[in-house]
Amino acid sequence: MDNVYAVIDRRDYVIDIFDNFIDALELANDCDAACIETLEDYDGDEGVVTDTYWIAEMDEPDFVKQKIYALIVGAFSVLTIPILDGDLSFFLFLMPVMIYIFFSEQYWLN
């Protein structure tokens, strides 16, 4: 099957799917979309993303910045342990969030 093109908005939702890249690009510009993803083996429900075309107004996300912020959140949660007299609740709440943001391939920062 040929490739299809999914127009993705800034909140990572699919706006529409096209067989033609030009049609996808026109809609992306009209809707102020974030990117167009090329899907292979699309079966009407999901496919394999092979390429991402970022729209000119939006730069490609800086995942290094996201990882640095995740480490800052982790350091902040460690620093709260002595402030809270050894209580680990805040630390245990923030660590899964930090780990998820650190290893996530989705861009969470604006």
C-alpha atoms as a PDB file:
ATOM      1  CA  MET A   1       0.000   0.000   0.000  1.00  0.00           C
ATOM      2  CA  ASP A   2       1.184   3.532  -0.684  1.00  0.00           C
ATOM      3  CA  ASN A   3       2.071   6.009   2.007  1.00  0.00           C
ATOM      4  CA  VAL A   4      -0.582   8.200   3.588  1.00  0.00           C
ATOM      5  CA  TYR A   5      -0.037  11.537   5.315  1.00  0.00           C
ATOM      6  CA  ALA A   6      -1.520  12.401   8.714  1.00  0.00           C
ATOM      7  CA  VAL A   7      -1.889  16.073   9.616  1.00  0.00           C
ATOM      8  CA  ILE A   8      -1.109  16.472  13.332  1.00  0.00           C
ATOM      9  CA  ASP A   9      -2.084  19.484  15.450  1.00  0.00           C
ATOM     10  CA  ARG A  10      -0.004  21.050  18.237  1.00  0.00           C
ATOM     11  CA  ARG A  11      -1.622  18.821  20.866  1.00  0.00           C
ATOM     12  CA  ASP A  12      -0.594  15.661  18.991  1.00  0.00           C
ATOM     13  CA  TYR A  13      -4.084  14.853  17.656  1.00  0.00           C
ATOM     14  CA  VAL A  14      -4.703  13.708  14.098  1.00  0.00           C
ATOM     15  CA  ILE A  15      -6.697  16.319  12.171  1.00  0.00           C
ATOM     16  CA  ASP A  16      -7.097  14.336   8.943  1.00  0.00           C
ATOM     17  CA  ILE A  17      -5.378  11.744   6.754  1.00  0.00           C
ATOM     18  CA  PHE A  18      -4.630  12.197   3.036  1.00  0.00           C
ATOM     19  CA  ASP A  19      -3.221  10.103   0.191  1.00  0.00           C
ATOM     20  CA  ASN A  20      -1.553  13.188  -1.302  1.00  0.00           C
ATOM     21  CA  PHE A  21       1.137  15.245   0.479  1.00  0.00           C
ATOM     22  CA  ILE A  22       0.077  18.495  -1.242  1.00  0.00           C
ATOM     23  CA  ASP A  23      -3.479  18.173   0.111  1.00  0.00           C
ATOM     24  CA  ALA A  24      -2.107  17.427   3.571  1.00  0.00           C
ATOM     25  CA  LEU A  25       0.172  20.460   3.406  1.00  0.00           C
ATOM     26  CA  GLU A  26      -2.697  22.750   2.375  1.00  0.00           C
ATOM     27  CA  LEU A  27      -4.820  21.610   5.316  1.00  0.00           C
ATOM     28  CA  ALA A  28      -1.845  21.867   7.682  1.00  0.00           C
ATOM     29  CA  ASN A  29      -1.300  25.482   6.666  1.00  0.00           C
ATOM     30  CA  ASP A  30      -5.021  26.286   6.963  1.00  0.00           C
ATOM     31  CA  CYS A  31      -5.360  24.678  10.399  1.00  0.00           C
ATOM     32  CA  ASP A  32      -2.025  25.897  11.817  1.00  0.00           C
ATOM     33  CA  ALA A  33      -0.954  22.286  12.331  1.00  0.00           C
ATOM     34  CA  ALA A  34       2.329  21.254  13.906  1.00  0.00           C
ATOM     35  CA  CYS A  35       3.495  18.548  11.496  1.00  0.00           C
ATOM     36  CA  ILE A  36       2.650  16.022   8.822  1.00  0.00           C
ATOM     37  CA  GLU A  37       3.591  12.403   9.503  1.00  0.00           C
ATOM     38  CA  THR A  38       4.163   9.876   6.730  1.00  0.00           C
ATOM     39  CA  LEU A  39       2.482   6.572   7.562  1.00  0.00           C
ATOM     40  CA  GLU A  40       3.368   3.218   6.027  1.00  0.00           C
ATOM     41  CA  ASP A  41       1.177   0.122   6.223  1.00  0.00           C
ATOM     42  CA  TYR A  42      -1.870   2.220   7.143  1.00  0.00           C
ATOM     43  CA  ASP A  43      -4.881  -0.022   7.583  1.00  0.00           C
ATOM     44  CA  GLY A  44      -7.530   2.594   8.341  1.00  0.00           C
ATOM     45  CA  ASP A  45      -6.816   2.585  12.059  1.00  0.00           C
ATOM     46  CA  GLU A  46      -3.066   2.919  12.521  1.00  0.00           C
ATOM     47  CA  GLY A  47       0.206   2.729  10.653  1.00  0.00           C
ATOM     48  CA  VAL A  48       3.964   2.990  11.057  1.00  0.00           C
ATOM     49  CA  VAL A  49       5.333   6.544  11.148  1.00  0.00           C
ATOM     50  CA  THR A  50       8.298   6.708   8.778  1.00  0.00           C
ATOM     51  CA  ASP A  51       8.895  10.450   8.499  1.00  0.00           C
ATOM     52  CA  THR A  52       7.798  13.704  10.094  1.00  0.00           C
ATOM     53  CA  TYR A  53       7.618  17.008   8.252  1.00  0.00           C
ATOM     54  CA  TRP A  54       7.543  19.932  10.688  1.00  0.00           C
ATOM     55  CA  ILE A  55       5.599  22.977   9.523  1.00  0.00           C
ATOM     56  CA  ALA A  56       7.820  26.062   8.992  1.00  0.00           C
ATOM     57  CA  GLU A  57       6.278  28.144  11.780  1.00  0.00           C
ATOM     58  CA  MET A  58       7.126  25.519  14.378  1.00  0.00           C
ATOM     59  CA  ASP A  59      10.672  24.362  14.931  1.00  0.00           C
ATOM     60  CA  GLU A  60      11.429  20.750  15.582  1.00  0.00           C
ATOM     61  CA  PRO A  61      11.100  20.093  19.323  1.00  0.00           C
ATOM     62  CA  ASP A  62      14.224  20.351  21.457  1.00  0.00           C
ATOM     63  CA  PHE A  63      14.250  17.040  23.307  1.00  0.00           C
ATOM     64  CA  VAL A  64      17.520  17.932  25.064  1.00  0.00           C
ATOM     65  CA  LYS A  65      15.703  20.827  26.743  1.00  0.00           C
ATOM     66  CA  GLN A  66      12.932  18.437  27.777  1.00  0.00           C
ATOM     67  CA  LYS A  67      15.476  16.035  29.307  1.00  0.00           C
ATOM     68  CA  ILE A  68      17.150  18.879  31.216  1.00  0.00           C
ATOM     69  CA  TYR A  69      13.799  19.983  32.656  1.00  0.00           C
ATOM     70  CA  ALA A  70      13.046  16.396  33.665  1.00  0.00           C
ATOM     71  CA  LEU A  71      16.376  16.244  35.513  1.00  0.00           C
ATOM     72  CA  ILE A  72      15.599  19.560  37.223  1.00  0.00           C
ATOM     73  CA  VAL A  73      12.256  18.147  38.393  1.00  0.00           C
ATOM     74  CA  GLY A  74      14.105  15.072  39.691  1.00  0.00           C
ATOM     75  CA  ALA A  75      16.650  17.203  41.551  1.00  0.00           C
ATOM     76  CA  PHE A  76      13.872  19.364  42.999  1.00  0.00           C
ATOM     77  CA  SER A  77      12.046  16.274  44.263  1.00  0.00           C
ATOM     78  CA  VAL A  78      15.246  14.997  45.917  1.00  0.00           C
ATOM     79  CA  LEU A  79      15.788  18.375  47.591  1.00  0.00           C
ATOM     80  CA  THR A  80      12.313  18.248  49.127  1.00  0.00           C
ATOM     81  CA  ILE A  81      13.183  15.155  51.190  1.00  0.00           C
ATOM     82  CA  PRO A  82      15.203  17.022  53.866  1.00  0.00           C
ATOM     83  CA  ILE A  83      12.768  19.942  53.803  1.00  0.00           C
ATOM     84  CA  LEU A  84       9.890  17.577  54.607  1.00  0.00           C
ATOM     85  CA  ASP A  85      11.861  15.835  57.411  1.00  0.00           C
ATOM     86  CA  GLY A  86      12.519  12.659  55.453  1.00  0.00           C
ATOM     87  CA  ASP A  87       9.017  12.269  53.990  1.00  0.00           C
ATOM     88  CA  LEU A  88       9.340  10.612  50.567  1.00  0.00           C
ATOM     89  CA  SER A  89       5.765  11.179  49.350  1.00  0.00           C
ATOM     90  CA  PHE A  90       6.544  14.171  47.115  1.00  0.00           C
ATOM     91  CA  PHE A  91       9.667  12.407  45.801  1.00  0.00           C
ATOM     92  CA  LEU A  92       7.709   9.230  45.018  1.00  0.00           C
ATOM     93  CA  PHE A  93       5.017  11.265  43.267  1.00  0.00           C
ATOM     94  CA  LEU A  94       7.417  13.226  41.036  1.00  0.00           C
ATOM     95  CA  MET A  95       9.892  10.486  40.094  1.00  0.00           C
ATOM     96  CA  PRO A  96       7.529   8.575  37.750  1.00  0.00           C
ATOM     97  CA  VAL A  97       6.591  11.886  36.123  1.00  0.00           C
ATOM     98  CA  MET A  98      10.262  12.777  35.700  1.00  0.00           C
ATOM     99  CA  ILE A  99      11.128   9.368  34.265  1.00  0.00           C
ATOM    100  CA  TYR A 100       8.195   9.500  31.835  1.00  0.00           C
ATOM    101  CA  ILE A 101       9.083  12.992  30.577  1.00  0.00           C
ATOM    102  CA  PHE A 102      12.790  12.097  30.325  1.00  0.00           C
ATOM    103  CA  PHE A 103      12.237   9.019  28.144  1.00  0.00           C
ATOM    104  CA  SER A 104       9.158  10.237  26.255  1.00  0.00           C
ATOM    105  CA  GLU A 105       9.405  10.703  22.484  1.00  0.00           C
ATOM    106  CA  GLN A 106       6.458  13.091  22.595  1.00  0.00           C
ATOM    107  CA  TYR A 107       7.302  16.744  23.159  1.00  0.00           C
ATOM    108  CA  TRP A 108       5.641  17.956  26.374  1.00  0.00           C
ATOM    109  CA  LEU A 109       7.039  21.511  26.623  1.00  0.00           C
ATOM    110  CA  ASN A 110       5.641  24.535  24.833  1.00  0.00           C
END
